[in-house]
Amino acid sequence: MQCNIGDKGRAARLRLGIMAMVGAAMLGGLILGGVLSSDYWWYLFAATTFGGAFSIFEARAGWCIVRAMGFKTPL
């Protein structure tokens, strides 16, 4: 895993990860509060949490999985 993104890309991934984690926390609150009661919401919560955590990991490591696969990203 070599560093393959610059400072702008790292900042964008960190912002995205933080926003996803905040969204996951709000979703978790709605689920635990009984507003959302289907099992489907737990899967969405898990996916959002994993995605946010992975995006934060990419920002901290300076590595992007999409760029590692050979695709060019704008940041």
N, C-alpha and C. Protein backbone atom coordinates (compact mmCIF):
# COMPACT_ATOMS: atom_id res chain seq x y z
N MET A 1 0.83 -1.18 0.00
CA MET A 1 0.00 0.00 0.00
C MET A 1 0.88 1.24 0.00
N GLN A 2 1.15 1.74 -1.16
CA GLN A 2 1.92 2.97 -1.29
C GLN A 2 0.99 4.16 -1.27
N CYS A 3 1.49 5.27 -0.81
CA CYS A 3 0.71 6.51 -0.83
C CYS A 3 0.41 6.86 -2.28
N ASN A 4 -0.86 6.97 -2.63
CA ASN A 4 -1.21 7.27 -4.02
C ASN A 4 -2.21 8.42 -4.14
N ILE A 5 -2.41 9.19 -3.07
CA ILE A 5 -3.28 10.37 -3.14
C ILE A 5 -2.57 11.53 -2.45
N GLY A 6 -2.92 12.72 -2.88
CA GLY A 6 -2.32 13.93 -2.32
C GLY A 6 -3.12 14.45 -1.13
N ASP A 7 -2.74 15.64 -0.69
CA ASP A 7 -3.38 16.24 0.47
C ASP A 7 -4.86 16.55 0.23
N LYS A 8 -5.20 17.00 -0.98
CA LYS A 8 -6.61 17.29 -1.27
C LYS A 8 -7.45 16.02 -1.23
N GLY A 9 -6.93 14.94 -1.78
CA GLY A 9 -7.65 13.67 -1.76
C GLY A 9 -7.80 13.12 -0.35
N ARG A 10 -6.77 13.28 0.44
CA ARG A 10 -6.83 12.82 1.83
C ARG A 10 -7.88 13.61 2.60
N ALA A 11 -7.91 14.93 2.41
CA ALA A 11 -8.88 15.77 3.10
C ALA A 11 -10.30 15.43 2.67
N ALA A 12 -10.50 15.20 1.37
CA ALA A 12 -11.84 14.86 0.87
C ALA A 12 -12.30 13.52 1.44
N ARG A 13 -11.42 12.55 1.51
CA ARG A 13 -11.79 11.24 2.05
C ARG A 13 -12.07 11.31 3.55
N LEU A 14 -11.32 12.15 4.25
CA LEU A 14 -11.56 12.31 5.68
C LEU A 14 -12.92 12.96 5.93
N ARG A 15 -13.24 14.01 5.17
CA ARG A 15 -14.55 14.65 5.30
C ARG A 15 -15.67 13.66 5.00
N LEU A 16 -15.52 12.90 3.93
CA LEU A 16 -16.53 11.92 3.55
C LEU A 16 -16.70 10.87 4.65
N GLY A 17 -15.60 10.41 5.20
CA GLY A 17 -15.66 9.40 6.26
C GLY A 17 -16.33 9.92 7.52
N ILE A 18 -16.01 11.15 7.89
CA ILE A 18 -16.63 11.75 9.08
C ILE A 18 -18.12 11.94 8.86
N MET A 19 -18.51 12.42 7.68
CA MET A 19 -19.93 12.60 7.39
C MET A 19 -20.66 11.26 7.42
N ALA A 20 -20.05 10.21 6.89
CA ALA A 20 -20.67 8.89 6.91
C ALA A 20 -20.83 8.37 8.34
N MET A 21 -19.83 8.60 9.17
CA MET A 21 -19.91 8.14 10.56
C MET A 21 -20.98 8.92 11.34
N VAL A 22 -21.11 10.21 11.08
CA VAL A 22 -22.16 11.00 11.71
C VAL A 22 -23.53 10.51 11.25
N GLY A 23 -23.65 10.24 9.95
CA GLY A 23 -24.90 9.69 9.43
C GLY A 23 -25.22 8.34 10.03
N ALA A 24 -24.21 7.51 10.21
CA ALA A 24 -24.42 6.19 10.81
C ALA A 24 -24.86 6.33 12.27
N ALA A 25 -24.28 7.30 12.98
CA ALA A 25 -24.67 7.53 14.37
C ALA A 25 -26.13 7.98 14.46
N MET A 26 -26.54 8.86 13.55
CA MET A 26 -27.94 9.30 13.54
C MET A 26 -28.86 8.15 13.18
N LEU A 27 -28.47 7.36 12.20
CA LEU A 27 -29.26 6.20 11.82
C LEU A 27 -29.37 5.21 12.97
N GLY A 28 -28.27 4.98 13.67
CA GLY A 28 -28.28 4.10 14.83
C GLY A 28 -29.21 4.62 15.92
N GLY A 29 -29.22 5.92 16.12
CA GLY A 29 -30.13 6.52 17.10
C GLY A 29 -31.58 6.32 16.72
N LEU A 30 -31.89 6.45 15.43
CA LEU A 30 -33.26 6.24 14.98
C LEU A 30 -33.68 4.78 15.14
N ILE A 31 -32.76 3.88 14.89
CA ILE A 31 -33.06 2.45 15.03
C ILE A 31 -33.29 2.11 16.50
N LEU A 32 -32.38 2.55 17.36
CA LEU A 32 -32.50 2.25 18.79
C LEU A 32 -33.69 2.97 19.42
N GLY A 33 -34.07 4.11 18.87
CA GLY A 33 -35.21 4.85 19.37
C GLY A 33 -36.54 4.27 18.93
N GLY A 34 -36.52 3.30 18.04
CA GLY A 34 -37.74 2.65 17.60
C GLY A 34 -38.42 3.32 16.42
N VAL A 35 -37.82 4.37 15.87
CA VAL A 35 -38.42 5.06 14.73
C VAL A 35 -38.32 4.17 13.49
N LEU A 36 -37.20 3.50 13.31
CA LEU A 36 -36.99 2.57 12.21
C LEU A 36 -36.91 1.17 12.80
N SER A 37 -37.80 0.28 12.37
CA SER A 37 -37.90 -1.01 13.06
C SER A 37 -37.57 -2.23 12.21
N SER A 38 -37.36 -2.07 10.94
CA SER A 38 -37.06 -3.22 10.09
C SER A 38 -35.61 -3.67 10.24
N ASP A 39 -35.33 -4.94 10.04
CA ASP A 39 -33.96 -5.45 10.09
C ASP A 39 -33.10 -4.85 8.98
N TYR A 40 -33.73 -4.42 7.91
CA TYR A 40 -33.02 -3.81 6.80
C TYR A 40 -32.17 -2.63 7.28
N TRP A 41 -32.67 -1.86 8.20
CA TRP A 41 -31.96 -0.67 8.68
C TRP A 41 -30.66 -1.02 9.37
N TRP A 42 -30.58 -2.17 10.03
CA TRP A 42 -29.33 -2.59 10.67
C TRP A 42 -28.25 -2.87 9.62
N TYR A 43 -28.66 -3.45 8.48
CA TYR A 43 -27.70 -3.69 7.39
C TYR A 43 -27.20 -2.36 6.82
N LEU A 44 -28.09 -1.40 6.66
CA LEU A 44 -27.70 -0.09 6.16
C LEU A 44 -26.78 0.60 7.16
N PHE A 45 -27.08 0.47 8.44
CA PHE A 45 -26.22 1.02 9.49
C PHE A 45 -24.82 0.41 9.42
N ALA A 46 -24.75 -0.90 9.29
CA ALA A 46 -23.45 -1.59 9.23
C ALA A 46 -22.66 -1.16 7.99
N ALA A 47 -23.33 -1.07 6.85
CA ALA A 47 -22.65 -0.68 5.61
C ALA A 47 -22.15 0.76 5.70
N THR A 48 -22.94 1.65 6.26
CA THR A 48 -22.54 3.05 6.39
C THR A 48 -21.36 3.19 7.36
N THR A 49 -21.41 2.45 8.45
CA THR A 49 -20.32 2.49 9.42
C THR A 49 -19.03 1.95 8.80
N PHE A 50 -19.12 0.82 8.11
CA PHE A 50 -17.93 0.26 7.46
C PHE A 50 -17.38 1.21 6.41
N GLY A 51 -18.24 1.77 5.58
CA GLY A 51 -17.80 2.70 4.54
C GLY A 51 -17.13 3.94 5.11
N GLY A 52 -17.70 4.49 6.16
CA GLY A 52 -17.11 5.67 6.80
C GLY A 52 -15.75 5.36 7.42
N ALA A 53 -15.68 4.22 8.10
CA ALA A 53 -14.42 3.83 8.73
C ALA A 53 -13.35 3.56 7.68
N PHE A 54 -13.73 2.94 6.58
CA PHE A 54 -12.76 2.66 5.51
C PHE A 54 -12.28 3.94 4.85
N SER A 55 -13.18 4.90 4.68
CA SER A 55 -12.79 6.17 4.09
C SER A 55 -11.82 6.92 5.00
N ILE A 56 -12.05 6.87 6.31
CA ILE A 56 -11.13 7.49 7.26
C ILE A 56 -9.79 6.77 7.22
N PHE A 57 -9.80 5.45 7.10
CA PHE A 57 -8.56 4.69 6.98
C PHE A 57 -7.79 5.12 5.73
N GLU A 58 -8.49 5.27 4.61
CA GLU A 58 -7.82 5.71 3.37
C GLU A 58 -7.18 7.08 3.55
N ALA A 59 -7.88 7.98 4.23
CA ALA A 59 -7.34 9.32 4.45
C ALA A 59 -6.09 9.27 5.32
N ARG A 60 -6.13 8.47 6.38
CA ARG A 60 -4.98 8.38 7.29
C ARG A 60 -3.78 7.71 6.61
N ALA A 61 -4.05 6.69 5.80
CA ALA A 61 -2.97 5.96 5.14
C ALA A 61 -2.47 6.66 3.88
N GLY A 62 -3.26 7.59 3.33
CA GLY A 62 -2.88 8.25 2.08
C GLY A 62 -2.99 7.32 0.89
N TRP A 63 -3.89 6.38 0.99
CA TRP A 63 -4.03 5.33 -0.03
C TRP A 63 -5.49 5.22 -0.44
N CYS A 64 -5.73 5.09 -1.72
CA CYS A 64 -7.09 4.97 -2.25
C CYS A 64 -7.21 3.66 -3.00
N ILE A 65 -8.20 2.86 -2.66
CA ILE A 65 -8.38 1.55 -3.29
C ILE A 65 -8.74 1.69 -4.77
N VAL A 66 -9.51 2.71 -5.10
CA VAL A 66 -9.91 2.91 -6.51
C VAL A 66 -8.70 3.27 -7.35
N ARG A 67 -7.84 4.14 -6.85
CA ARG A 67 -6.63 4.49 -7.58
C ARG A 67 -5.67 3.31 -7.66
N ALA A 68 -5.66 2.48 -6.61
CA ALA A 68 -4.79 1.30 -6.62
C ALA A 68 -5.21 0.30 -7.70
N MET A 69 -6.49 0.33 -8.07
CA MET A 69 -6.97 -0.56 -9.13
C MET A 69 -6.72 0.01 -10.52
N GLY A 70 -6.16 1.21 -10.61
CA GLY A 70 -5.78 1.78 -11.90
C GLY A 70 -6.71 2.85 -12.42
N PHE A 71 -7.78 3.17 -11.71
CA PHE A 71 -8.70 4.22 -12.14
C PHE A 71 -8.16 5.58 -11.70
N LYS A 72 -8.37 6.59 -12.51
CA LYS A 72 -7.95 7.94 -12.17
C LYS A 72 -9.12 8.65 -11.50
N THR A 73 -8.86 9.26 -10.36
CA THR A 73 -9.88 10.03 -9.65
C THR A 73 -9.51 11.50 -9.72
N PRO A 74 -10.48 12.40 -9.68
CA PRO A 74 -10.18 13.82 -9.86
C PRO A 74 -9.37 14.45 -8.73
N LEU A 75 -9.38 13.88 -7.54
CA LEU A 75 -8.63 14.48 -6.42
C LEU A 75 -7.35 13.73 -6.20
